[in-house]
C-alpha atoms as a PDB file:
ATOM      1  CA  MET A   1      21.586 -32.344  71.788  1.00  0.00           C
ATOM      2  CA  THR A   2      22.477 -30.916  75.143  1.00  0.00           C
ATOM      3  CA  ASP A   3      20.525 -28.061  76.307  1.00  0.00           C
ATOM      4  CA  PRO A   4      22.265 -24.174  75.571  1.00  0.00           C
ATOM      5  CA  ALA A   5      24.474 -23.437  78.438  1.00  0.00           C
ATOM      6  CA  PRO A   6      22.978 -21.027  81.152  1.00  0.00           C
ATOM      7  CA  LEU A   7      24.520 -17.831  81.093  1.00  0.00           C
ATOM      8  CA  VAL A   8      25.617 -15.717  84.098  1.00  0.00           C
ATOM      9  CA  LEU A   9      26.049 -12.077  83.981  1.00  0.00           C
ATOM     10  CA  ILE A  10      28.104 -10.337  86.793  1.00  0.00           C
ATOM     11  CA  HIS A  11      27.861  -6.634  86.476  1.00  0.00           C
ATOM     12  CA  GLY A  12      30.939  -4.202  87.757  1.00  0.00           C
ATOM     13  CA  HIS A  13      31.003  -1.371  90.436  1.00  0.00           C
ATOM     14  CA  PRO A  14      29.209   0.848  91.066  1.00  0.00           C
ATOM     15  CA  PHE A  15      26.227  -0.605  88.977  1.00  0.00           C
ATOM     16  CA  ASP A  16      23.858  -3.435  88.852  1.00  0.00           C
ATOM     17  CA  HIS A  17      22.442  -6.198  86.750  1.00  0.00           C
ATOM     18  CA  THR A  18      20.771  -3.292  84.624  1.00  0.00           C
ATOM     19  CA  MET A  19      23.934  -2.969  82.668  1.00  0.00           C
ATOM     20  CA  TRP A  20      23.638  -6.446  81.240  1.00  0.00           C
ATOM     21  CA  ALA A  21      20.099  -4.988  79.423  1.00  0.00           C
ATOM     22  CA  PRO A  22      20.784  -5.435  75.963  1.00  0.00           C
ATOM     23  CA  GLN A  23      22.259  -9.170  76.704  1.00  0.00           C
ATOM     24  CA  ILE A  24      19.633  -9.864  78.952  1.00  0.00           C
ATOM     25  CA  GLU A  25      17.108  -8.767  76.007  1.00  0.00           C
ATOM     26  CA  ALA A  26      19.274 -10.789  73.602  1.00  0.00           C
ATOM     27  CA  PHE A  27      19.961 -13.990  74.878  1.00  0.00           C
ATOM     28  CA  SER A  28      16.700 -14.916  76.960  1.00  0.00           C
ATOM     29  CA  GLY A  29      15.007 -16.208  73.850  1.00  0.00           C
ATOM     30  CA  GLY A  30      16.432 -19.586  73.988  1.00  0.00           C
ATOM     31  CA  ARG A  31      18.807 -19.805  76.787  1.00  0.00           C
ATOM     32  CA  ARG A  32      18.631 -19.272  80.730  1.00  0.00           C
ATOM     33  CA  VAL A  33      19.937 -16.146  81.480  1.00  0.00           C
ATOM     34  CA  ILE A  34      20.865 -14.909  85.235  1.00  0.00           C
ATOM     35  CA  ALA A  35      21.887 -11.263  86.092  1.00  0.00           C
ATOM     36  CA  PRO A  36      21.930 -11.117  89.813  1.00  0.00           C
ATOM     37  CA  ASP A  37      22.504  -7.852  92.085  1.00  0.00           C
ATOM     38  CA  LEU A  38      25.380  -8.433  93.858  1.00  0.00           C
ATOM     39  CA  ARG A  39      25.442  -7.931  97.568  1.00  0.00           C
ATOM     40  CA  GLY A  40      25.415  -4.055  98.665  1.00  0.00           C
ATOM     41  CA  TYR A  41      24.364  -3.247  94.712  1.00  0.00           C
ATOM     42  CA  GLY A  42      20.848  -2.999  93.167  1.00  0.00           C
ATOM     43  CA  THR A  43      17.997  -4.577  95.009  1.00  0.00           C
ATOM     44  CA  SER A  44      20.518  -6.783  97.057  1.00  0.00           C
ATOM     45  CA  PRO A  45      20.597  -6.031 100.860  1.00  0.00           C
ATOM     46  CA  VAL A  46      23.831  -4.025 102.137  1.00  0.00           C
ATOM     47  CA  LEU A  47      25.571  -6.771 104.695  1.00  0.00           C
ATOM     48  CA  PRO A  48      27.592  -6.025 107.517  1.00  0.00           C
ATOM     49  CA  GLY A  49      31.435  -5.858 107.370  1.00  0.00           C
ATOM     50  CA  VAL A  50      34.114  -5.990 104.435  1.00  0.00           C
ATOM     51  CA  SER A  51      33.535  -9.013 101.777  1.00  0.00           C
ATOM     52  CA  GLY A  52      35.925 -10.278  99.947  1.00  0.00           C
ATOM     53  CA  PHE A  53      35.847 -11.614  96.303  1.00  0.00           C
ATOM     54  CA  PRO A  54      35.739 -15.150  97.828  1.00  0.00           C
ATOM     55  CA  GLU A  55      32.483 -14.295  99.249  1.00  0.00           C
ATOM     56  CA  PHE A  56      30.658 -12.097  96.227  1.00  0.00           C
ATOM     57  CA  ALA A  57      31.715 -15.789  94.209  1.00  0.00           C
ATOM     58  CA  ARG A  58      30.154 -17.881  97.003  1.00  0.00           C
ATOM     59  CA  ASP A  59      27.173 -15.542  96.565  1.00  0.00           C
ATOM     60  CA  ILE A  60      26.965 -16.662  93.141  1.00  0.00           C
ATOM     61  CA  ALA A  61      27.080 -20.342  93.503  1.00  0.00           C
ATOM     62  CA  ALA A  62      24.638 -20.177  96.214  1.00  0.00           C
ATOM     63  CA  LEU A  63      22.022 -18.391  93.721  1.00  0.00           C
ATOM     64  CA  LEU A  64      23.195 -21.739  90.966  1.00  0.00           C
ATOM     65  CA  ASP A  65      22.203 -24.206  93.639  1.00  0.00           C
ATOM     66  CA  GLU A  66      18.750 -22.371  94.526  1.00  0.00           C
ATOM     67  CA  LEU A  67      18.163 -22.081  90.510  1.00  0.00           C
ATOM     68  CA  ARG A  68      19.619 -25.918  90.418  1.00  0.00           C
ATOM     69  CA  VAL A  69      22.210 -24.493  87.858  1.00  0.00           C
ATOM     70  CA  PRO A  70      24.742 -26.872  87.845  1.00  0.00           C
ATOM     71  CA  ALA A  71      26.865 -25.697  85.678  1.00  0.00           C
ATOM     72  CA  ALA A  72      27.193 -22.350  83.215  1.00  0.00           C
ATOM     73  CA  VAL A  73      29.104 -19.907  81.352  1.00  0.00           C
ATOM     74  CA  LEU A  74      29.982 -17.150  83.529  1.00  0.00           C
ATOM     75  CA  ALA A  75      30.606 -13.419  82.277  1.00  0.00           C
ATOM     76  CA  GLY A  76      32.143 -10.571  84.192  1.00  0.00           C
ATOM     77  CA  LEU A  77      32.699  -7.086  83.818  1.00  0.00           C
ATOM     78  CA  SER A  78      35.692  -4.948  85.627  1.00  0.00           C
ATOM     79  CA  MET A  79      35.044  -6.024  89.309  1.00  0.00           C
ATOM     80  CA  GLY A  80      32.284  -8.465  88.000  1.00  0.00           C
ATOM     81  CA  GLY A  81      35.237 -10.096  85.616  1.00  0.00           C
ATOM     82  CA  GLN A  82      37.580 -10.641  89.206  1.00  0.00           C
ATOM     83  CA  ILE A  83      34.561 -11.669  90.930  1.00  0.00           C
ATOM     84  CA  VAL A  84      34.022 -14.239  87.954  1.00  0.00           C
ATOM     85  CA  MET A  85      37.655 -15.441  87.792  1.00  0.00           C
ATOM     86  CA  ASP A  86      37.459 -15.904  91.856  1.00  0.00           C
ATOM     87  CA  PHE A  87      34.142 -18.220  90.990  1.00  0.00           C
ATOM     88  CA  HIS A  88      36.397 -20.863  88.570  1.00  0.00           C
ATOM     89  CA  ARG A  89      39.133 -20.323  91.306  1.00  0.00           C
ATOM     90  CA  GLN A  90      36.692 -21.910  93.962  1.00  0.00           C
ATOM     91  CA  PHE A  91      34.088 -24.177  91.532  1.00  0.00           C
ATOM     92  CA  PRO A  92      36.373 -24.964  88.164  1.00  0.00           C
ATOM     93  CA  ASP A  93      33.847 -27.647  87.752  1.00  0.00           C
ATOM     94  CA  ARG A  94      30.674 -25.449  87.572  1.00  0.00           C
ATOM     95  CA  VAL A  95      32.113 -23.109  84.969  1.00  0.00           C
ATOM     96  CA  ARG A  96      31.725 -24.497  81.295  1.00  0.00           C
ATOM     97  CA  GLY A  97      33.114 -20.748  79.710  1.00  0.00           C
ATOM     98  CA  LEU A  98      34.236 -17.411  80.944  1.00  0.00           C
ATOM     99  CA  VAL A  99      33.563 -13.785  79.857  1.00  0.00           C
ATOM    100  CA  LEU A 100      36.055 -11.545  81.072  1.00  0.00           C
ATOM    101  CA  ALA A 101      35.456  -7.720  79.548  1.00  0.00           C
ATOM    102  CA  ASP A 102      37.615  -4.930  80.679  1.00  0.00           C
ATOM    103  CA  THR A 103      38.870  -6.503  83.635  1.00  0.00           C
ATOM    104  CA  PHE A 104      42.316  -7.608  84.735  1.00  0.00           C
ATOM    105  CA  ALA A 105      43.909 -10.180  87.090  1.00  0.00           C
ATOM    106  CA  ALA A 106      46.660  -9.038  88.746  1.00  0.00           C
ATOM    107  CA  PRO A 107      46.169  -7.836  92.403  1.00  0.00           C
ATOM    108  CA  GLU A 108      46.184  -4.636  93.667  1.00  0.00           C
ATOM    109  CA  THR A 109      49.413  -1.931  93.655  1.00  0.00           C
ATOM    110  CA  PRO A 110      49.841  -0.272  97.244  1.00  0.00           C
ATOM    111  CA  ASP A 111      49.015   2.783  95.748  1.00  0.00           C
ATOM    112  CA  GLY A 112      45.705   1.495  94.614  1.00  0.00           C
ATOM    113  CA  VAL A 113      44.944  -0.430  98.282  1.00  0.00           C
ATOM    114  CA  GLU A 114      45.398   3.299  99.463  1.00  0.00           C
ATOM    115  CA  ALA A 115      43.290   4.797  96.473  1.00  0.00           C
ATOM    116  CA  ARG A 116      40.399   2.306  97.058  1.00  0.00           C
ATOM    117  CA  ASN A 117      39.754   2.712 100.665  1.00  0.00           C
ATOM    118  CA  ALA A 118      40.652   7.155 100.342  1.00  0.00           C
ATOM    119  CA  MET A 119      37.180   6.388  97.644  1.00  0.00           C
ATOM    120  CA  ALA A 120      35.396   4.227  99.710  1.00  0.00           C
ATOM    121  CA  ASP A 121      35.595   6.995 102.614  1.00  0.00           C
ATOM    122  CA  ARG A 122      34.758   9.714 100.434  1.00  0.00           C
ATOM    123  CA  LEU A 123      31.760   7.916  98.847  1.00  0.00           C
ATOM    124  CA  LEU A 124      30.322   6.983 102.480  1.00  0.00           C
ATOM    125  CA  ARG A 125      30.879  10.815 103.399  1.00  0.00           C
ATOM    126  CA  GLU A 126      29.323  12.536 100.498  1.00  0.00           C
ATOM    127  CA  GLY A 127      27.779   9.987  98.199  1.00  0.00           C
ATOM    128  CA  LEU A 128      28.353   8.815  95.021  1.00  0.00           C
ATOM    129  CA  GLY A 129      26.548  12.078  93.003  1.00  0.00           C
ATOM    130  CA  GLY A 130      30.208  13.605  92.794  1.00  0.00           C
ATOM    131  CA  TYR A 131      31.784  10.738  91.952  1.00  0.00           C
ATOM    132  CA  ALA A 132      29.556   9.786  89.158  1.00  0.00           C
ATOM    133  CA  ASP A 133      29.400  13.147  87.660  1.00  0.00           C
ATOM    134  CA  GLU A 134      33.393  12.893  87.755  1.00  0.00           C
ATOM    135  CA  VAL A 135      33.840   9.437  86.424  1.00  0.00           C
ATOM    136  CA  LEU A 136      30.967   8.990  84.084  1.00  0.00           C
ATOM    137  CA  GLU A 137      33.016  10.102  80.533  1.00  0.00           C
ATOM    138  CA  LYS A 138      35.565   7.486  81.837  1.00  0.00           C
ATOM    139  CA  MET A 139      33.212   4.809  82.434  1.00  0.00           C
ATOM    140  CA  VAL A 140      31.841   5.286  78.834  1.00  0.00           C
ATOM    141  CA  ALA A 141      33.731   7.383  76.205  1.00  0.00           C
ATOM    142  CA  PRO A 142      32.855  11.004  76.020  1.00  0.00           C
ATOM    143  CA  TYR A 143      31.230  10.310  72.611  1.00  0.00           C
ATOM    144  CA  ALA A 144      28.890   7.701  73.868  1.00  0.00           C
ATOM    145  CA  SER A 145      24.926   8.049  73.251  1.00  0.00           C
ATOM    146  CA  ALA A 146      22.863  10.089  75.476  1.00  0.00           C
ATOM    147  CA  GLU A 147      21.075   7.388  76.251  1.00  0.00           C
ATOM    148  CA  VAL A 148      24.074   5.172  77.245  1.00  0.00           C
ATOM    149  CA  LYS A 149      25.317   7.768  79.755  1.00  0.00           C
ATOM    150  CA  ALA A 150      22.057   8.406  81.342  1.00  0.00           C
ATOM    151  CA  HIS A 151      21.737   4.662  81.894  1.00  0.00           C
ATOM    152  CA  VAL A 152      25.127   4.849  83.612  1.00  0.00           C
ATOM    153  CA  HIS A 153      24.841   7.522  85.371  1.00  0.00           C
ATOM    154  CA  ARG A 154      21.850   6.305  87.094  1.00  0.00           C
ATOM    155  CA  MET A 155      23.091   3.278  87.813  1.00  0.00           C
ATOM    156  CA  MET A 156      25.852   5.009  89.610  1.00  0.00           C
ATOM    157  CA  THR A 157      23.687   7.319  91.627  1.00  0.00           C
ATOM    158  CA  ALA A 158      21.092   4.833  92.656  1.00  0.00           C
ATOM    159  CA  THR A 159      23.808   2.597  94.261  1.00  0.00           C
ATOM    160  CA  SER A 160      24.040   2.227  98.157  1.00  0.00           C
ATOM    161  CA  PRO A 161      27.237   4.545  99.242  1.00  0.00           C
ATOM    162  CA  GLU A 162      27.490   1.411 101.837  1.00  0.00           C
ATOM    163  CA  GLY A 163      27.659  -1.478  99.640  1.00  0.00           C
ATOM    164  CA  ALA A 164      29.886   0.733  97.269  1.00  0.00           C
ATOM    165  CA  ALA A 165      32.155   1.424 100.052  1.00  0.00           C
ATOM    166  CA  ALA A 166      32.347  -2.274 100.872  1.00  0.00           C
ATOM    167  CA  ALA A 167      33.105  -3.572  97.134  1.00  0.00           C
ATOM    168  CA  LEU A 168      35.960  -0.757  97.144  1.00  0.00           C
ATOM    169  CA  ARG A 169      37.894  -2.485  99.993  1.00  0.00           C
ATOM    170  CA  ALA A 170      37.158  -5.951  98.716  1.00  0.00           C
ATOM    171  CA  ARG A 171      38.491  -4.964  95.691  1.00  0.00           C
ATOM    172  CA  ALA A 172      41.878  -3.293  97.521  1.00  0.00           C
ATOM    173  CA  LEU A 173      42.218  -7.116  99.260  1.00  0.00           C
ATOM    174  CA  ARG A 174      41.615  -9.101  96.186  1.00  0.00           C
ATOM    175  CA  PRO A 175      43.861 -12.170  95.097  1.00  0.00           C
ATOM    176  CA  ASP A 176      46.210 -12.727  92.406  1.00  0.00           C
ATOM    177  CA  TYR A 177      44.492 -14.340  89.602  1.00  0.00           C
ATOM    178  CA  ARG A 178      47.079 -14.434  86.969  1.00  0.00           C
ATOM    179  CA  ASP A 179      48.622 -17.917  87.487  1.00  0.00           C
ATOM    180  CA  LEU A 180      45.096 -19.094  87.488  1.00  0.00           C
ATOM    181  CA  LEU A 181      44.615 -17.857  84.044  1.00  0.00           C
ATOM    182  CA  THR A 182      47.064 -20.428  83.209  1.00  0.00           C
ATOM    183  CA  ARG A 183      45.387 -23.252  84.261  1.00  0.00           C
ATOM    184  CA  VAL A 184      41.657 -22.239  83.097  1.00  0.00           C
ATOM    185  CA  GLN A 185      40.826 -25.394  80.837  1.00  0.00           C
ATOM    186  CA  VAL A 186      37.553 -23.807  79.084  1.00  0.00           C
ATOM    187  CA  PRO A 187      37.209 -21.797  76.607  1.00  0.00           C
ATOM    188  CA  THR A 188      37.149 -17.887  76.975  1.00  0.00           C
ATOM    189  CA  LEU A 189      36.069 -14.916  75.035  1.00  0.00           C
ATOM    190  CA  VAL A 190      38.435 -11.491  76.553  1.00  0.00           C
ATOM    191  CA  VAL A 191      36.871  -8.201  75.351  1.00  0.00           C
ATOM    192  CA  VAL A 192      37.869  -4.506  75.649  1.00  0.00           C
ATOM    193  CA  GLY A 193      36.869  -1.631  74.425  1.00  0.00           C
ATOM    194  CA  THR A 194      39.839   0.343  72.775  1.00  0.00           C
ATOM    195  CA  ASP A 195      39.640   3.643  74.743  1.00  0.00           C
ATOM    196  CA  ASP A 196      39.180   1.874  77.808  1.00  0.00           C
ATOM    197  CA  GLU A 197      41.555   4.003  80.526  1.00  0.00           C
ATOM    198  CA  TYR A 198      40.508   1.453  83.493  1.00  0.00           C
ATOM    199  CA  THR A 199      41.524  -1.654  81.873  1.00  0.00           C
ATOM    200  CA  PRO A 200      43.436  -0.325  78.652  1.00  0.00           C
ATOM    201  CA  VAL A 201      43.762  -3.110  75.988  1.00  0.00           C
ATOM    202  CA  SER A 202      47.141  -4.062  77.107  1.00  0.00           C
ATOM    203  CA  ASP A 203      45.550  -5.934  80.475  1.00  0.00           C
ATOM    204  CA  ALA A 204      43.361  -8.053  78.010  1.00  0.00           C
ATOM    205  CA  GLU A 205      46.201  -8.823  75.927  1.00  0.00           C
ATOM    206  CA  ALA A 206      47.518  -9.972  78.894  1.00  0.00           C
ATOM    207  CA  MET A 207      44.968 -12.457  79.782  1.00  0.00           C
ATOM    208  CA  HIS A 208      44.630 -13.602  76.537  1.00  0.00           C
ATOM    209  CA  ALA A 209      48.358 -14.346  76.448  1.00  0.00           C
ATOM    210  CA  ALA A 210      48.245 -16.181  79.896  1.00  0.00           C
ATOM    211  CA  LEU A 211      44.846 -18.141  79.064  1.00  0.00           C
ATOM    212  CA  PRO A 212      45.314 -21.504  77.328  1.00  0.00           C
ATOM    213  CA  ASP A 213      42.130 -21.485  75.227  1.00  0.00           C
ATOM    214  CA  SER A 214      40.740 -18.022  74.594  1.00  0.00           C
ATOM    215  CA  GLU A 215      39.829 -15.386  71.852  1.00  0.00           C
ATOM    216  CA  LEU A 216      40.349 -11.736  72.238  1.00  0.00           C
ATOM    217  CA  LEU A 217      38.043  -8.937  70.880  1.00  0.00           C
ATOM    218  CA  VAL A 218      38.690  -5.227  70.997  1.00  0.00           C
ATOM    219  CA  ILE A 219      35.632  -3.446  70.691  1.00  0.00           C
ATOM    220  CA  SER A 220      36.218  -0.058  68.335  1.00  0.00           C
ATOM    221  CA  GLY A 221      34.287   3.285  69.921  1.00  0.00           C
ATOM    222  CA  ALA A 222      34.094   1.962  73.393  1.00  0.00           C
ATOM    223  CA  ALA A 223      35.710   2.801  76.337  1.00  0.00           C
ATOM    224  CA  HIS A 224      34.973   0.810  79.823  1.00  0.00           C
ATOM    225  CA  MET A 225      31.632  -0.883  78.916  1.00  0.00           C
ATOM    226  CA  PRO A 226      31.492  -2.229  75.523  1.00  0.00           C
ATOM    227  CA  ASN A 227      28.456  -4.333  76.128  1.00  0.00           C
ATOM    228  CA  LEU A 228      26.517  -0.918  76.596  1.00  0.00           C
ATOM    229  CA  GLU A 229      28.338   1.133  73.943  1.00  0.00           C
ATOM    230  CA  ARG A 230      28.520  -1.168  71.244  1.00  0.00           C
ATOM    231  CA  PRO A 231      26.205  -4.051  72.110  1.00  0.00           C
ATOM    232  CA  GLU A 232      25.701  -4.820  68.566  1.00  0.00           C
ATOM    233  CA  GLU A 233      29.600  -6.059  68.619  1.00  0.00           C
ATOM    234  CA  PHE A 234      29.970  -7.196  71.811  1.00  0.00           C
ATOM    235  CA  ASN A 235      26.380  -9.353  71.639  1.00  0.00           C
ATOM    236  CA  ALA A 236      27.469 -11.045  68.283  1.00  0.00           C
ATOM    237  CA  ALA A 237      31.039 -12.038  69.565  1.00  0.00           C
ATOM    238  CA  LEU A 238      28.868 -13.353  72.221  1.00  0.00           C
ATOM    239  CA  ALA A 239      26.502 -15.461  70.451  1.00  0.00           C
ATOM    240  CA  THR A 240      29.529 -16.789  68.227  1.00  0.00           C
ATOM    241  CA  PHE A 241      31.062 -17.772  71.552  1.00  0.00           C
ATOM    242  CA  LEU A 242      28.324 -19.494  72.953  1.00  0.00           C
ATOM    243  CA  THR A 243      27.691 -21.565  69.987  1.00  0.00           C
ATOM    244  CA  ARG A 244      31.426 -22.753  70.632  1.00  0.00           C
ATOM    245  CA  ILE A 245      30.077 -23.653  74.036  1.00  0.00           C
ATOM    246  CA  ASP A 246      26.754 -25.332  72.981  1.00  0.00           C
ATOM    247  CA  GLY A 247      28.819 -27.516  70.892  1.00  0.00           C
ATOM    248  CA  ARG A 248      31.337 -28.944  73.359  1.00  0.00           C
ATOM    249  CA  SER A 249      30.305 -32.335  74.915  1.00  0.00           C
END
């Protein structure tokens, strides 16, 4: 009997590892759960220059080396999902399964590049307070609980403007992962909230169609962060998925 696969949880922007609180609580009992703060977020330092997603992915690989974790299931939400895809691109032999939540594989459009760089400039000028107020009810649905809204707002306003700006510039430069998805040989769980405006259900359906071995879960009553908005449904699907991974030789 093999040990349960370690679970690595990669947060989105502009959050930190605490966005995975319901999953850390649910899965840490019998499984190793690793939920880092990405560079520039939470307690991790802001590094000079613009990091690309390949650097974020190599940070995760270095952390797993330090923790002596040869391979794991990697789960990422939004930007975290794109970093997880880049990890698979660089280190496919270290991936036992993927969870891609509320994310998409296409590269940035020219308009998107301009918008992300403009937002990076704004966050450096103004901080994240105004931005957090504006986008809160897109990150989570307007009908989300007050506790969830407070948690999400708190993460956003605690994020370093320098770290958030650097990550936005990295997102503007991200590779195209669509062809990569067609070559993924490990099981993948694709998750999306029905009311997600940032990465709509059609994006999740496109990834599901491209992946050779994937399941699609559309969670009702959630927007961009179903792991926080509907943790029971998210955790139930993740538990079933992890059981499948653990059963593979």
